[in-house]
Amino acid sequence: MSGDAAYIPSFLQTVDGPVVLVGDSSGGAVITKAATGLSNVKALVYVAAFALDKGESTATVLPADKYPGSLLTPDTLAVRTYPDASAPGGTNSDLYINPDDFQRVFAHDNSKTNATELALTQRPLSQSAFAEPLDAEPAWKTIPSWDLVTLDDRAISPAGQEFMAKRAGARITTIPAAHDVSLTRPDAINKDILDAVASVR
């Protein structure tokens, strides 16, 4: 997370004019850190995403006993461990959703054909990024935010999404969609982005 969050500001500083920064899923954690202190970022849009507070990680922010609904568990994940000198203990792991579990966890409102293709082409989440806490004040404390909450999500708890969105003071839109909302309902995402754009013109 910190690597991505460091790269984004270096790029955004080259952009003339106002910026609306959009984060999907774990990308929400990235924009929460990356936008802090950037005067040209005028709005944040979270899409079925993590909106962390300082000291939280994507692994810790939504305890399952308090925010149920996620099927992302050790039983549904495939783990590939590899040497990584930059990670704690010198090893890291790539986390994938098991192909056999992918549709019911991530894309249960999509076709079996599409879900199979997504399962086979998915990019992993690194264990270190999953566990890395936010070490700065979150950007949503000073930047207006929008949040699209996916009510049928089985990857990130819908109740947890609503908790983070309300805490951030976001303008919340709810939609009956799974975690693959960017593929099944891009219209809903576009509306939130355009609403955010309109607010900063």
Protein backbone atom coordinates (compact mmCIF):
# COMPACT_ATOMS: atom_id res chain seq x y z
CA MET A 1 0.00 0.00 0.00
CA SER A 2 2.71 2.49 0.92
CA GLY A 3 4.48 1.95 -2.41
CA ASP A 4 1.34 2.69 -4.42
CA ALA A 5 0.44 5.56 -2.11
CA ALA A 6 3.88 7.09 -2.66
CA TYR A 7 3.73 6.80 -6.45
CA ILE A 8 0.30 8.39 -6.89
CA PRO A 9 1.20 11.80 -5.37
CA SER A 10 4.34 11.96 -7.51
CA PHE A 11 2.12 11.61 -10.56
CA LEU A 12 -0.70 13.87 -9.35
CA GLN A 13 1.75 16.70 -8.74
CA THR A 14 2.26 16.80 -12.53
CA VAL A 15 -1.48 17.22 -13.20
CA ASP A 16 -2.80 20.73 -13.85
CA GLY A 17 -6.20 21.50 -12.44
CA PRO A 18 -8.46 19.78 -9.92
CA VAL A 19 -8.37 16.01 -9.42
CA VAL A 20 -11.10 13.55 -8.42
CA LEU A 21 -9.37 10.44 -7.10
CA VAL A 22 -11.22 7.11 -7.32
CA GLY A 23 -10.39 3.94 -5.37
CA ASP A 24 -12.00 0.53 -5.80
CA SER A 25 -11.77 -2.19 -3.11
CA SER A 26 -8.28 -2.11 -1.54
CA GLY A 27 -7.55 0.87 -3.78
CA GLY A 28 -9.67 2.85 -1.32
CA ALA A 29 -6.94 2.38 1.28
CA VAL A 30 -4.38 3.62 -1.24
CA ILE A 31 -6.21 6.85 -2.12
CA THR A 32 -6.94 7.47 1.56
CA LYS A 33 -3.20 7.85 2.11
CA ALA A 34 -2.11 9.12 -1.30
CA ALA A 35 -4.39 12.20 -1.35
CA THR A 36 -3.35 13.50 2.07
CA GLY A 37 -1.77 16.93 1.73
CA LEU A 38 -2.41 17.28 -2.02
CA SER A 39 -4.17 20.57 -2.61
CA ASN A 40 -5.27 19.69 -6.15
CA VAL A 41 -7.26 16.61 -5.03
CA LYS A 42 -10.74 18.02 -4.55
CA ALA A 43 -12.83 14.87 -4.10
CA LEU A 44 -12.48 11.17 -3.30
CA VAL A 45 -14.73 8.45 -4.68
CA TYR A 46 -14.79 5.06 -2.93
CA VAL A 47 -16.23 2.08 -4.81
CA ALA A 48 -16.93 -0.98 -2.63
CA ALA A 49 -13.75 0.13 -0.92
CA PHE A 50 -11.78 0.45 2.28
CA ALA A 51 -11.77 3.96 3.79
CA LEU A 52 -9.27 3.45 6.59
CA ASP A 53 -8.49 5.63 9.58
CA LYS A 54 -5.00 6.10 10.97
CA GLY A 55 -3.63 2.89 12.51
CA GLU A 56 -6.08 0.60 10.68
CA SER A 57 -5.32 -1.94 7.97
CA THR A 58 -7.60 -3.72 5.55
CA ALA A 59 -7.01 -6.82 7.67
CA THR A 60 -8.14 -5.24 10.94
CA VAL A 61 -10.70 -2.53 10.20
CA LEU A 62 -13.74 -4.84 9.87
CA PRO A 63 -13.72 -7.66 12.46
CA ALA A 64 -16.03 -10.42 11.26
CA ASP A 65 -17.94 -10.63 14.53
CA LYS A 66 -18.93 -6.98 14.24
CA TYR A 67 -19.24 -6.67 10.45
CA PRO A 68 -20.33 -10.05 9.06
CA GLY A 69 -20.89 -10.87 5.42
CA SER A 70 -17.45 -11.35 3.94
CA LEU A 71 -16.60 -14.78 2.55
CA LEU A 72 -12.93 -13.88 2.20
CA THR A 73 -11.55 -16.35 4.70
CA PRO A 74 -8.53 -18.66 4.81
CA ASP A 75 -10.78 -21.37 3.36
CA THR A 76 -11.49 -19.36 0.19
CA LEU A 77 -7.98 -18.00 -0.36
CA ALA A 78 -5.01 -19.48 -2.16
CA VAL A 79 -1.69 -18.30 -0.73
CA ARG A 80 1.63 -18.18 -2.60
CA THR A 81 4.55 -17.34 -0.29
CA TYR A 82 7.80 -15.97 -1.71
CA PRO A 83 11.02 -14.30 -0.48
CA ASP A 84 10.71 -10.53 -0.11
CA ALA A 85 13.46 -8.62 1.64
CA SER A 86 11.23 -5.55 2.00
CA ALA A 87 8.51 -7.45 3.89
CA PRO A 88 8.48 -8.18 7.63
CA GLY A 89 10.43 -11.37 8.28
CA GLY A 90 11.81 -11.43 4.74
CA THR A 91 8.83 -13.23 3.20
CA ASN A 92 5.59 -12.11 1.65
CA SER A 93 2.54 -13.85 0.20
CA ASP A 94 0.26 -13.29 -2.75
CA LEU A 95 -3.39 -13.84 -1.86
CA TYR A 96 -5.78 -15.12 -4.52
CA ILE A 97 -9.42 -16.18 -4.28
CA ASN A 98 -9.65 -19.91 -4.98
CA PRO A 99 -11.05 -20.32 -8.52
CA ASP A 100 -13.72 -22.72 -7.23
CA ASP A 101 -14.90 -20.08 -4.75
CA PHE A 102 -14.45 -17.02 -6.91
CA GLN A 103 -17.97 -16.59 -8.25
CA ARG A 104 -19.77 -16.90 -4.92
CA VAL A 105 -17.25 -14.62 -3.15
CA PHE A 106 -16.59 -11.96 -5.77
CA ALA A 107 -18.97 -12.17 -8.72
CA HIS A 108 -22.17 -13.99 -7.83
CA ASP A 109 -24.23 -11.55 -9.91
CA ASN A 110 -22.14 -12.24 -13.01
CA SER A 111 -22.30 -15.14 -15.45
CA LYS A 112 -20.35 -18.32 -14.79
CA THR A 113 -18.31 -17.72 -17.94
CA ASN A 114 -17.34 -14.21 -16.91
CA ALA A 115 -16.64 -15.27 -13.33
CA THR A 116 -14.37 -18.07 -14.53
CA GLU A 117 -12.41 -15.66 -16.71
CA LEU A 118 -12.09 -13.25 -13.79
CA ALA A 119 -10.93 -16.03 -11.49
CA LEU A 120 -8.23 -17.13 -13.91
CA THR A 121 -6.95 -13.61 -14.62
CA GLN A 122 -7.25 -12.12 -11.11
CA ARG A 123 -4.31 -10.18 -9.74
CA PRO A 124 -3.31 -11.02 -6.19
CA LEU A 125 -3.28 -8.84 -3.10
CA SER A 126 -0.02 -8.97 -1.19
CA GLN A 127 -0.20 -10.07 2.43
CA SER A 128 2.03 -7.16 3.46
CA ALA A 129 -0.33 -4.64 1.83
CA PHE A 130 -3.34 -6.35 3.42
CA ALA A 131 -1.77 -6.08 6.88
CA GLU A 132 -0.06 -2.69 6.54
CA PRO A 133 -1.66 -0.02 8.76
CA LEU A 134 -2.38 3.47 7.55
CA ASP A 135 0.39 5.60 9.04
CA ALA A 136 -1.05 9.03 8.24
CA GLU A 137 -4.21 10.99 8.82
CA PRO A 138 -6.79 9.86 6.25
CA ALA A 139 -7.46 12.16 3.33
CA TRP A 140 -11.24 11.90 3.86
CA LYS A 141 -10.89 14.04 6.97
CA THR A 142 -10.14 17.08 4.80
CA ILE A 143 -11.38 16.14 1.31
CA PRO A 144 -15.08 15.62 0.43
CA SER A 145 -15.85 12.01 -0.42
CA TRP A 146 -18.44 9.88 -2.18
CA ASP A 147 -18.95 6.20 -1.43
CA LEU A 148 -20.71 3.53 -3.47
CA VAL A 149 -21.70 0.75 -1.06
CA THR A 150 -22.42 -2.66 -2.59
CA LEU A 151 -25.19 -4.28 -0.54
CA ASP A 152 -24.73 -7.80 -1.95
CA ASP A 153 -20.97 -7.78 -1.49
CA ARG A 154 -19.42 -10.99 -0.15
CA ALA A 155 -15.82 -9.78 -0.28
CA ILE A 156 -16.10 -6.63 1.86
CA SER A 157 -18.92 -6.60 4.40
CA PRO A 158 -21.71 -4.23 3.29
CA ALA A 159 -22.26 -3.20 6.93
CA GLY A 160 -18.55 -2.50 7.18
CA GLN A 161 -18.62 -0.43 4.00
CA GLU A 162 -21.47 1.65 5.41
CA PHE A 163 -19.62 2.11 8.70
CA MET A 164 -16.51 3.43 6.94
CA ALA A 165 -18.54 5.64 4.58
CA LYS A 166 -20.53 7.23 7.41
CA ARG A 167 -17.39 7.76 9.47
CA ALA A 168 -15.81 9.56 6.51
CA GLY A 169 -18.86 11.79 6.13
CA ALA A 170 -19.22 10.54 2.56
CA ARG A 171 -22.17 11.09 0.28
CA ILE A 172 -23.39 7.50 0.21
CA THR A 173 -25.02 5.62 -2.64
CA THR A 174 -26.15 2.03 -2.07
CA ILE A 175 -26.65 -0.51 -4.82
CA PRO A 176 -27.66 -4.20 -4.82
CA ALA A 177 -24.45 -5.49 -6.40
CA ALA A 178 -21.58 -7.85 -5.69
CA HIS A 179 -17.93 -6.84 -5.39
CA ASP A 180 -17.49 -6.87 -9.18
CA VAL A 181 -19.70 -3.77 -9.43
CA SER A 182 -17.24 -2.06 -11.78
CA LEU A 183 -18.10 -4.72 -14.37
CA THR A 184 -21.81 -5.19 -13.73
CA ARG A 185 -22.90 -1.63 -12.88
CA PRO A 186 -20.39 0.87 -14.29
CA ASP A 187 -23.28 3.32 -14.68
CA ALA A 188 -23.58 3.63 -10.90
CA ILE A 189 -19.86 4.28 -10.54
CA ASN A 190 -19.92 6.84 -13.34
CA LYS A 191 -22.75 8.71 -11.62
CA ASP A 192 -20.80 9.02 -8.36
CA ILE A 193 -17.69 10.17 -10.21
CA LEU A 194 -19.61 12.74 -12.24
CA ASP A 195 -21.38 14.00 -9.11
CA ALA A 196 -17.96 14.46 -7.49
CA VAL A 197 -16.64 16.22 -10.62
CA ALA A 198 -19.63 18.57 -10.67
CA SER A 199 -18.98 19.54 -7.06
CA VAL A 200 -15.50 20.85 -7.79
CA ARG A 201 -16.15 22.77 -10.99
